[in-house]
C-alpha atoms as a PDB file:
ATOM      1  CA  MET A   1      12.514  11.896  -7.091  1.00  0.00           C
ATOM      2  CA  ARG A   2       9.169  13.006  -5.774  1.00  0.00           C
ATOM      3  CA  THR A   3       7.465  11.110  -2.987  1.00  0.00           C
ATOM      4  CA  THR A   4       3.714  10.642  -3.187  1.00  0.00           C
ATOM      5  CA  ALA A   5       1.562  10.029  -0.093  1.00  0.00           C
ATOM      6  CA  ARG A   6      -2.081   8.954   0.038  1.00  0.00           C
ATOM      7  CA  GLU A   7      -4.593   7.724   2.583  1.00  0.00           C
ATOM      8  CA  TYR A   8      -6.815   4.732   1.969  1.00  0.00           C
ATOM      9  CA  PRO A   9      -9.967   3.802   3.944  1.00  0.00           C
ATOM     10  CA  VAL A  10      -9.912   0.491   5.820  1.00  0.00           C
ATOM     11  CA  LYS A  11     -12.899  -1.860   6.080  1.00  0.00           C
ATOM     12  CA  LYS A  12     -14.691  -1.685   9.402  1.00  0.00           C
ATOM     13  CA  GLY A  13     -13.730  -4.443  11.790  1.00  0.00           C
ATOM     14  CA  ARG A  14     -10.350  -4.994  10.120  1.00  0.00           C
ATOM     15  CA  GLU A  15      -7.627  -4.908  12.751  1.00  0.00           C
ATOM     16  CA  ILE A  16      -4.485  -3.339  11.299  1.00  0.00           C
ATOM     17  CA  THR A  17      -1.293  -4.082  13.212  1.00  0.00           C
ATOM     18  CA  ILE A  18       2.343  -3.717  12.231  1.00  0.00           C
ATOM     19  CA  GLU A  19       2.560  -7.530  12.050  1.00  0.00           C
ATOM     20  CA  PHE A  20      -0.509  -7.650   9.773  1.00  0.00           C
ATOM     21  CA  LEU A  21       0.963  -5.051   7.395  1.00  0.00           C
ATOM     22  CA  LEU A  22       4.337  -6.819   7.336  1.00  0.00           C
ATOM     23  CA  GLU A  23       2.653 -10.161   6.581  1.00  0.00           C
ATOM     24  CA  LYS A  24       0.652  -8.646   3.693  1.00  0.00           C
ATOM     25  CA  ALA A  25       3.696  -6.813   2.285  1.00  0.00           C
ATOM     26  CA  LYS A  26       5.782 -10.001   2.295  1.00  0.00           C
ATOM     27  CA  ALA A  27       2.942 -12.068   0.801  1.00  0.00           C
ATOM     28  CA  VAL A  28       2.330  -9.664  -2.097  1.00  0.00           C
ATOM     29  CA  THR A  29       5.817  -8.269  -2.817  1.00  0.00           C
ATOM     30  CA  GLY A  30       8.105 -10.947  -1.431  1.00  0.00           C
ATOM     31  CA  ASN A  31       9.865  -8.442   0.826  1.00  0.00           C
ATOM     32  CA  GLY A  32       9.181  -6.100   3.693  1.00  0.00           C
ATOM     33  CA  GLU A  33      10.627  -4.772   6.910  1.00  0.00           C
ATOM     34  CA  THR A  34       9.473  -2.749   9.873  1.00  0.00           C
ATOM     35  CA  ASN A  35      10.782   0.661  10.850  1.00  0.00           C
ATOM     36  CA  GLY A  36       9.057   1.752  14.055  1.00  0.00           C
ATOM     37  CA  ASP A  37       5.325   1.703  13.299  1.00  0.00           C
ATOM     38  CA  HIS A  38       5.900   1.733   9.522  1.00  0.00           C
ATOM     39  CA  VAL A  39       6.336  -1.154   7.098  1.00  0.00           C
ATOM     40  CA  THR A  40       8.437  -0.613   3.992  1.00  0.00           C
ATOM     41  CA  CYS A  41       8.721  -2.787   0.914  1.00  0.00           C
ATOM     42  CA  VAL A  42       9.815  -2.544  -2.706  1.00  0.00           C
ATOM     43  CA  ILE A  43       7.720  -3.146  -5.814  1.00  0.00           C
ATOM     44  CA  PRO A  44       9.189  -3.219  -9.337  1.00  0.00           C
ATOM     45  CA  GLY A  45       8.619   0.349 -10.543  1.00  0.00           C
ATOM     46  CA  LEU A  46       8.544   1.835  -7.046  1.00  0.00           C
ATOM     47  CA  LYS A  47      11.759   2.509  -5.127  1.00  0.00           C
ATOM     48  CA  PHE A  48       9.859   2.117  -1.876  1.00  0.00           C
ATOM     49  CA  VAL A  49       6.384   1.746  -0.456  1.00  0.00           C
ATOM     50  CA  ASP A  50       5.897   2.945   3.131  1.00  0.00           C
ATOM     51  CA  LEU A  51       2.756   1.694   4.916  1.00  0.00           C
ATOM     52  CA  HIS A  52       1.502   3.239   8.156  1.00  0.00           C
ATOM     53  CA  PHE A  53      -1.864   2.853   9.911  1.00  0.00           C
ATOM     54  CA  ASN A  54      -2.900   6.093  11.648  1.00  0.00           C
ATOM     55  CA  GLY A  55      -5.781   4.560  13.605  1.00  0.00           C
ATOM     56  CA  LYS A  56      -8.374   5.307  10.940  1.00  0.00           C
ATOM     57  CA  ASN A  57      -6.797   5.106   7.477  1.00  0.00           C
ATOM     58  CA  LEU A  58      -3.834   3.413   5.851  1.00  0.00           C
ATOM     59  CA  GLU A  59      -1.224   6.021   4.908  1.00  0.00           C
ATOM     60  CA  VAL A  60       0.948   4.996   1.971  1.00  0.00           C
ATOM     61  CA  ALA A  61       3.994   6.892   0.717  1.00  0.00           C
ATOM     62  CA  THR A  62       5.704   5.833  -2.505  1.00  0.00           C
ATOM     63  CA  GLU A  63       8.544   6.919  -4.726  1.00  0.00           C
ATOM     64  CA  ALA A  64       8.555   6.014  -8.423  1.00  0.00           C
ATOM     65  CA  ASP A  65      11.451   4.314 -10.166  1.00  0.00           C
ATOM     66  CA  GLN A  66      11.619   5.803 -13.660  1.00  0.00           C
ATOM     67  CA  LYS A  67      13.840   2.962 -14.936  1.00  0.00           C
ATOM     68  CA  HIS A  68      11.125   0.289 -14.696  1.00  0.00           C
ATOM     69  CA  SER A  69       9.636  -0.659 -18.065  1.00  0.00           C
ATOM     70  CA  ASP A  70       6.309  -2.263 -17.075  1.00  0.00           C
ATOM     71  CA  PRO A  71       4.039   0.251 -15.318  1.00  0.00           C
ATOM     72  CA  LEU A  72       0.967  -2.006 -15.611  1.00  0.00           C
ATOM     73  CA  ASP A  73       2.738  -4.663 -13.532  1.00  0.00           C
ATOM     74  CA  THR A  74       3.595  -2.009 -10.927  1.00  0.00           C
ATOM     75  CA  VAL A  75      -0.037  -0.882 -10.691  1.00  0.00           C
ATOM     76  CA  ARG A  76      -1.278  -4.485 -10.461  1.00  0.00           C
ATOM     77  CA  ILE A  77       1.076  -5.350  -7.585  1.00  0.00           C
ATOM     78  CA  PHE A  78       0.423  -2.047  -5.780  1.00  0.00           C
ATOM     79  CA  ASN A  79      -3.366  -2.455  -6.029  1.00  0.00           C
ATOM     80  CA  LYS A  80      -3.115  -6.035  -4.736  1.00  0.00           C
ATOM     81  CA  LEU A  81      -1.059  -4.835  -1.754  1.00  0.00           C
ATOM     82  CA  ILE A  82      -3.540  -2.059  -0.889  1.00  0.00           C
ATOM     83  CA  GLU A  83      -6.501  -4.445  -1.331  1.00  0.00           C
ATOM     84  CA  GLU A  84      -4.910  -7.059   0.953  1.00  0.00           C
ATOM     85  CA  ALA A  85      -4.202  -4.427   3.618  1.00  0.00           C
ATOM     86  CA  THR A  86      -7.459  -2.427   3.517  1.00  0.00           C
ATOM     87  CA  GLY A  87      -9.995  -5.040   2.424  1.00  0.00           C
ATOM     88  CA  PHE A  88     -11.214  -2.783  -0.419  1.00  0.00           C
ATOM     89  CA  SER A  89     -10.566  -3.470  -4.116  1.00  0.00           C
ATOM     90  CA  SER A  90      -9.484  -0.598  -6.361  1.00  0.00           C
ATOM     91  CA  LYS A  91     -13.050  -0.406  -7.699  1.00  0.00           C
ATOM     92  CA  GLU A  92     -14.474  -0.161  -4.150  1.00  0.00           C
ATOM     93  CA  ARG A  93     -11.872   2.465  -3.173  1.00  0.00           C
ATOM     94  CA  LYS A  94     -12.753   4.571  -6.205  1.00  0.00           C
ATOM     95  CA  LYS A  95     -16.462   4.333  -5.373  1.00  0.00           C
ATOM     96  CA  LYS A  96     -15.825   5.422  -1.753  1.00  0.00           C
ATOM     97  CA  ILE A  97     -13.701   8.385  -2.851  1.00  0.00           C
ATOM     98  CA  SER A  98     -16.236   9.570  -5.441  1.00  0.00           C
ATOM     99  CA  LYS A  99     -18.989   9.557  -2.752  1.00  0.00           C
ATOM    100  CA  ASN A 100     -17.103  12.140  -0.653  1.00  0.00           C
END
């Protein structure tokens, strides 16, 4: 399977710690664990989601699970996780990216 990695902007003033990311991952997905300065969790439709804050942006690596039958549910959960972590909704993230 192919792994996809992306960076997401984080709202100013939002303090991202490993504990914060783990808390958000567990709240949204029901699971999560730390591996060094990374947090990993599983979402139906994604074999893994790896979250890492590089000091400026949230780096997220994912790997798709082709066996999952409800991609809209996967997108909904993933977007909620990224919104909880970064403070930006998918609409706000799209607007920020299109400005650059």
